[in-house]
């Protein structure tokens, strides 16, 4: 396993305008995980991005485009 140096420097790392400081733990079936992974592979992105896009689509469906 590679050594990862930890630092308290807040300026270290990838800068972002939308920091993700919250964590959500999900329990998925193997089929659900496989579906998310297949979507990520087809889209050339990560499983996190697939889930975030799905949430955004569902939010627009429930609340409309202006939310």
N, C-alpha and C. Protein backbone atom coordinates (compact mmCIF):
# COMPACT_ATOMS: atom_id res chain seq x y z
N UNK A 1 0.85 -1.18 0.00
CA UNK A 1 0.00 0.00 0.00
C UNK A 1 0.89 1.25 0.00
N UNK A 2 0.53 2.22 -0.77
CA UNK A 2 1.31 3.44 -0.90
C UNK A 2 1.15 4.32 0.34
N UNK A 3 2.21 5.02 0.67
CA UNK A 3 2.19 5.95 1.80
C UNK A 3 1.53 7.25 1.37
N UNK A 4 0.59 7.73 2.17
CA UNK A 4 -0.09 8.98 1.88
C UNK A 4 0.22 9.95 3.00
N UNK A 5 0.87 11.04 2.66
CA UNK A 5 1.20 12.05 3.65
C UNK A 5 -0.03 12.89 3.96
N UNK A 6 -0.35 12.98 5.23
CA UNK A 6 -1.50 13.78 5.65
C UNK A 6 -1.02 15.16 6.09
N UNK A 7 -1.83 16.16 5.85
CA UNK A 7 -1.46 17.53 6.20
C UNK A 7 -2.68 18.28 6.70
N UNK A 8 -2.44 19.30 7.49
CA UNK A 8 -3.52 20.15 7.98
C UNK A 8 -3.69 21.40 7.12
N UNK A 9 -2.95 21.48 6.03
CA UNK A 9 -2.99 22.64 5.16
C UNK A 9 -4.29 22.64 4.35
N UNK A 10 -5.22 23.62 4.59
CA UNK A 10 -6.48 23.63 3.86
C UNK A 10 -6.33 23.97 2.38
N UNK A 11 -5.18 24.52 1.98
CA UNK A 11 -4.95 24.88 0.58
C UNK A 11 -4.42 23.72 -0.24
N UNK A 12 -4.20 22.60 0.40
CA UNK A 12 -3.66 21.44 -0.27
C UNK A 12 -4.80 20.68 -0.96
N UNK A 13 -4.52 20.08 -2.08
CA UNK A 13 -5.53 19.27 -2.76
C UNK A 13 -6.19 20.02 -3.90
N UNK A 14 -7.20 19.38 -4.45
CA UNK A 14 -7.89 19.92 -5.61
C UNK A 14 -8.86 21.01 -5.19
N UNK A 15 -8.73 22.23 -5.73
CA UNK A 15 -9.67 23.30 -5.36
C UNK A 15 -11.06 23.03 -5.94
N UNK A 16 -12.08 23.43 -5.21
CA UNK A 16 -13.44 23.21 -5.68
C UNK A 16 -14.35 24.32 -5.20
N UNK A 17 -15.37 24.61 -5.99
CA UNK A 17 -16.38 25.58 -5.59
C UNK A 17 -17.54 24.89 -4.91
N UNK A 18 -17.55 23.56 -4.97
CA UNK A 18 -18.62 22.78 -4.37
C UNK A 18 -18.01 21.64 -3.54
N UNK A 19 -17.46 21.96 -2.36
CA UNK A 19 -16.83 20.91 -1.56
C UNK A 19 -17.86 19.89 -1.08
N UNK A 20 -17.46 18.65 -1.06
CA UNK A 20 -18.34 17.58 -0.59
C UNK A 20 -17.80 17.09 0.75
N UNK A 21 -18.33 17.67 1.81
CA UNK A 21 -17.84 17.34 3.14
C UNK A 21 -18.75 16.36 3.88
N UNK A 22 -19.88 16.00 3.28
CA UNK A 22 -20.81 15.07 3.91
C UNK A 22 -20.66 13.68 3.30
N UNK A 23 -20.96 12.68 4.10
CA UNK A 23 -20.85 11.30 3.66
C UNK A 23 -22.19 10.60 3.87
N UNK A 24 -22.59 9.80 2.90
CA UNK A 24 -23.83 9.05 2.97
C UNK A 24 -23.50 7.58 2.73
N UNK A 25 -23.93 6.73 3.64
CA UNK A 25 -23.67 5.30 3.52
C UNK A 25 -24.94 4.63 3.01
N UNK A 26 -24.81 3.85 1.94
CA UNK A 26 -25.95 3.16 1.34
C UNK A 26 -25.74 1.66 1.39
N UNK A 27 -26.82 0.94 1.55
CA UNK A 27 -26.80 -0.51 1.42
C UNK A 27 -27.48 -0.84 0.10
N UNK A 28 -26.76 -1.51 -0.78
CA UNK A 28 -27.26 -1.84 -2.10
C UNK A 28 -27.25 -3.35 -2.30
N UNK A 29 -28.15 -3.81 -3.14
CA UNK A 29 -28.08 -5.21 -3.57
C UNK A 29 -27.00 -5.29 -4.65
N UNK A 30 -26.58 -6.51 -4.96
CA UNK A 30 -25.59 -6.68 -6.01
C UNK A 30 -26.12 -6.17 -7.34
N UNK A 31 -27.41 -6.39 -7.61
CA UNK A 31 -28.02 -5.94 -8.86
C UNK A 31 -28.00 -4.42 -8.96
N UNK A 32 -28.34 -3.73 -7.86
CA UNK A 32 -28.34 -2.25 -7.86
C UNK A 32 -26.93 -1.72 -8.08
N UNK A 33 -25.95 -2.33 -7.41
CA UNK A 33 -24.56 -1.90 -7.59
C UNK A 33 -24.10 -2.13 -9.03
N UNK A 34 -24.48 -3.27 -9.60
CA UNK A 34 -24.11 -3.58 -10.98
C UNK A 34 -24.73 -2.58 -11.96
N UNK A 35 -25.98 -2.18 -11.70
CA UNK A 35 -26.64 -1.21 -12.59
C UNK A 35 -25.92 0.14 -12.53
N UNK A 36 -25.56 0.58 -11.33
CA UNK A 36 -24.85 1.87 -11.19
C UNK A 36 -23.48 1.77 -11.86
N UNK A 37 -22.78 0.67 -11.65
CA UNK A 37 -21.46 0.49 -12.25
C UNK A 37 -21.55 0.45 -13.78
N UNK A 38 -22.58 -0.20 -14.32
CA UNK A 38 -22.75 -0.26 -15.78
C UNK A 38 -23.01 1.13 -16.35
N UNK A 39 -23.83 1.92 -15.65
CA UNK A 39 -24.10 3.30 -16.09
C UNK A 39 -22.82 4.12 -16.07
N UNK A 40 -22.04 3.97 -15.02
CA UNK A 40 -20.78 4.73 -14.90
C UNK A 40 -19.82 4.35 -16.01
N UNK A 41 -19.71 3.06 -16.30
CA UNK A 41 -18.81 2.62 -17.35
C UNK A 41 -19.26 3.14 -18.72
N UNK A 42 -20.54 3.05 -18.99
CA UNK A 42 -21.07 3.51 -20.29
C UNK A 42 -20.89 5.02 -20.45
N UNK A 43 -21.08 5.78 -19.36
CA UNK A 43 -20.95 7.24 -19.41
C UNK A 43 -19.50 7.69 -19.27
N UNK A 44 -18.61 6.78 -18.91
CA UNK A 44 -17.21 7.15 -18.72
C UNK A 44 -17.00 8.04 -17.51
N UNK A 45 -17.72 7.74 -16.44
CA UNK A 45 -17.65 8.57 -15.24
C UNK A 45 -17.61 7.66 -14.01
N UNK A 46 -17.80 8.24 -12.84
CA UNK A 46 -17.77 7.48 -11.61
C UNK A 46 -19.18 7.11 -11.15
N UNK A 47 -19.25 6.16 -10.24
CA UNK A 47 -20.55 5.78 -9.67
C UNK A 47 -21.14 6.96 -8.89
N UNK A 48 -20.29 7.74 -8.23
CA UNK A 48 -20.77 8.92 -7.51
C UNK A 48 -21.45 9.89 -8.46
N UNK A 49 -20.83 10.14 -9.62
CA UNK A 49 -21.41 11.06 -10.59
C UNK A 49 -22.74 10.54 -11.13
N UNK A 50 -22.83 9.23 -11.35
CA UNK A 50 -24.09 8.63 -11.80
C UNK A 50 -25.18 8.89 -10.77
N UNK A 51 -24.88 8.67 -9.51
CA UNK A 51 -25.87 8.88 -8.45
C UNK A 51 -26.25 10.35 -8.35
N UNK A 52 -25.27 11.26 -8.45
CA UNK A 52 -25.56 12.69 -8.37
C UNK A 52 -26.44 13.14 -9.53
N UNK A 53 -26.20 12.62 -10.73
CA UNK A 53 -27.04 12.95 -11.88
C UNK A 53 -28.46 12.42 -11.70
N UNK A 54 -28.57 11.21 -11.16
CA UNK A 54 -29.90 10.62 -10.91
C UNK A 54 -30.67 11.45 -9.89
N UNK A 55 -30.00 11.90 -8.86
CA UNK A 55 -30.65 12.75 -7.84
C UNK A 55 -31.12 14.05 -8.47
N UNK A 56 -30.27 14.66 -9.31
CA UNK A 56 -30.64 15.92 -9.97
C UNK A 56 -31.85 15.73 -10.89
N UNK A 57 -31.87 14.64 -11.64
CA UNK A 57 -33.01 14.35 -12.52
C UNK A 57 -34.29 14.16 -11.71
N UNK A 58 -34.21 13.41 -10.64
CA UNK A 58 -35.38 13.15 -9.81
C UNK A 58 -35.86 14.44 -9.13
N UNK A 59 -34.93 15.27 -8.71
CA UNK A 59 -35.28 16.55 -8.09
C UNK A 59 -36.02 17.44 -9.08
N UNK A 60 -35.52 17.51 -10.32
CA UNK A 60 -36.20 18.30 -11.35
C UNK A 60 -37.59 17.74 -11.64
N UNK A 61 -37.73 16.43 -11.63
CA UNK A 61 -39.03 15.80 -11.87
C UNK A 61 -40.03 16.18 -10.77
N UNK A 62 -39.58 16.20 -9.54
CA UNK A 62 -40.46 16.50 -8.41
C UNK A 62 -40.76 17.98 -8.23
N UNK A 63 -39.74 18.82 -8.45
CA UNK A 63 -39.85 20.24 -8.12
C UNK A 63 -39.83 21.17 -9.32
N UNK A 64 -39.61 20.67 -10.49
CA UNK A 64 -39.57 21.51 -11.69
C UNK A 64 -38.18 22.03 -11.98
N UNK A 65 -38.03 22.65 -13.10
CA UNK A 65 -36.72 23.13 -13.60
C UNK A 65 -36.16 24.29 -12.78
N UNK A 66 -36.98 25.08 -12.13
CA UNK A 66 -36.50 26.30 -11.48
C UNK A 66 -35.93 26.08 -10.09
N UNK A 67 -35.93 24.89 -9.58
CA UNK A 67 -35.43 24.65 -8.22
C UNK A 67 -33.96 24.36 -8.23
